[in-house]
Every structure is written in C-alpha cells, then in structure tokens.
C-alpha cells in the first residue's frame, strides 16, 4: 500500500502538515503532533483533546513522555458505554 499524494493540498496550504488517515499511518502522523506539542509547550503536563476513533489520541500518547497526562473526551454521539469498552491507556 502506498501513501496518498497530498500534492494539491500541499500546494494550496503550504503551511499545513498532512497526516495519513486512520490506523498505523494516522498514529504515526499524530506522533508529529506530539513532537510539535513538545516543541511549542515543553512544560505541558496535561493535553486534552476530542476523540472519535482514538487514532489521534494513540499517536499523541505514544509521542509524549510517559509523565504527560493525555485526556480524551469522546466526540461520538451516544457513546455512553466507553467506560465498559476496556480502554487502558
């Protein structure tokens, strides 16, 4: 599987970074977000973000120091059973 070409988007939005969608590519790309957080806010001890599938959350968690607290707030309509799904970050 080859990575998609972001050529037209990169030309239109040169100041933006583009991350692969979902799964392993998404997690890897979101580690870059964690790197940016480390650079821009090196003293940050808590990161809070909305969560859908969890890909962004997984990438940020894997890219930050183990001492950083990452809090995900579900953005899924009707997701009232998350405490029963067995997430263990």
Protein backbone atom coordinates (compact mmCIF):
# COMPACT_ATOMS: atom_id res chain seq x y z
CA UNK A 1 0.00 0.00 0.00
CA UNK A 2 1.45 3.37 -0.98
CA UNK A 3 0.89 6.63 0.83
CA UNK A 4 -1.53 9.01 -0.87
CA UNK A 5 -0.16 12.06 -2.66
CA UNK A 6 -1.01 15.31 -0.90
CA UNK A 7 0.38 17.38 -3.79
CA UNK A 8 -2.66 19.55 -4.48
CA UNK A 9 -3.32 20.13 -0.77
CA UNK A 10 0.31 20.92 -0.05
CA UNK A 11 0.35 23.47 -2.86
CA UNK A 12 -2.86 25.10 -1.65
CA UNK A 13 -1.96 25.03 2.06
CA UNK A 14 1.86 25.16 2.22
CA UNK A 15 1.94 25.99 5.94
CA UNK A 16 -0.02 22.86 6.91
CA UNK A 17 1.16 19.37 7.68
CA UNK A 18 -0.75 16.41 6.29
CA UNK A 19 -1.22 13.16 8.17
CA UNK A 20 -2.29 9.77 6.85
CA UNK A 21 -5.84 8.76 7.62
CA UNK A 22 -6.59 6.20 10.32
CA UNK A 23 -4.77 3.16 11.64
CA UNK A 24 -0.99 2.93 11.71
CA UNK A 25 -0.43 5.83 9.30
CA UNK A 26 -2.64 8.05 11.42
CA UNK A 27 -0.91 7.09 14.67
CA UNK A 28 2.49 7.70 13.09
CA UNK A 29 1.38 11.08 11.76
CA UNK A 30 -0.09 12.10 15.10
CA UNK A 31 3.26 11.45 16.76
CA UNK A 32 4.33 14.50 14.78
CA UNK A 33 1.61 16.46 16.60
CA UNK A 34 3.13 15.27 19.88
CA UNK A 35 6.53 16.47 18.69
CA UNK A 36 5.03 19.88 17.94
CA UNK A 37 3.46 19.98 21.42
CA UNK A 38 6.85 19.16 22.96
CA UNK A 39 8.47 21.98 20.98
CA UNK A 40 5.78 24.64 21.50
CA UNK A 41 4.80 23.80 25.08
CA UNK A 42 7.68 21.83 26.62
CA UNK A 43 6.29 22.21 30.13
CA UNK A 44 2.79 20.95 29.30
CA UNK A 45 1.74 18.28 31.75
CA UNK A 46 -1.82 17.70 30.53
CA UNK A 47 -3.18 17.56 26.97
CA UNK A 48 -6.96 17.42 26.43
CA UNK A 49 -8.43 16.57 23.03
CA UNK A 50 -11.65 15.31 21.42
CA UNK A 51 -11.65 11.64 20.45
CA UNK A 52 -13.50 9.80 17.72
CA UNK A 53 -11.81 6.54 16.75
CA UNK A 54 -8.83 7.10 19.05
CA UNK A 55 -6.15 7.31 16.35
CA UNK A 56 -5.10 10.86 17.21
CA UNK A 57 -5.13 10.07 20.92
CA UNK A 58 -2.98 6.98 20.38
CA UNK A 59 -0.43 8.91 18.32
CA UNK A 60 -0.18 11.74 20.82
CA UNK A 61 0.12 9.37 23.78
CA UNK A 62 2.86 7.39 22.03
CA UNK A 63 4.75 10.57 21.13
CA UNK A 64 4.79 12.26 24.53
CA UNK A 65 6.76 11.49 27.66
CA UNK A 66 5.18 8.90 29.96
CA UNK A 67 4.73 11.61 32.60
CA UNK A 68 2.38 13.66 30.38
CA UNK A 69 -1.31 13.18 31.08
CA UNK A 70 -3.42 12.91 27.93
CA UNK A 71 -7.18 13.19 28.38
CA UNK A 72 -9.52 12.20 25.58
CA UNK A 73 -13.13 13.39 25.57
CA UNK A 74 -15.45 11.40 23.35
CA UNK A 75 -16.85 13.31 20.40
CA UNK A 76 -19.09 10.39 19.42
CA UNK A 77 -22.81 10.94 19.68
CA UNK A 78 -24.37 8.47 22.08
CA UNK A 79 -21.08 6.93 23.24
CA UNK A 80 -22.29 6.32 26.77
CA UNK A 81 -20.57 2.96 27.25
CA UNK A 82 -16.92 3.97 26.89
CA UNK A 83 -16.11 3.02 30.47
CA UNK A 84 -17.19 -0.52 29.61
CA UNK A 85 -15.11 -0.88 26.42
CA UNK A 86 -11.88 -1.68 28.21
CA UNK A 87 -9.67 1.18 27.10
CA UNK A 88 -6.44 1.16 29.06
CA UNK A 89 -4.14 3.99 28.08
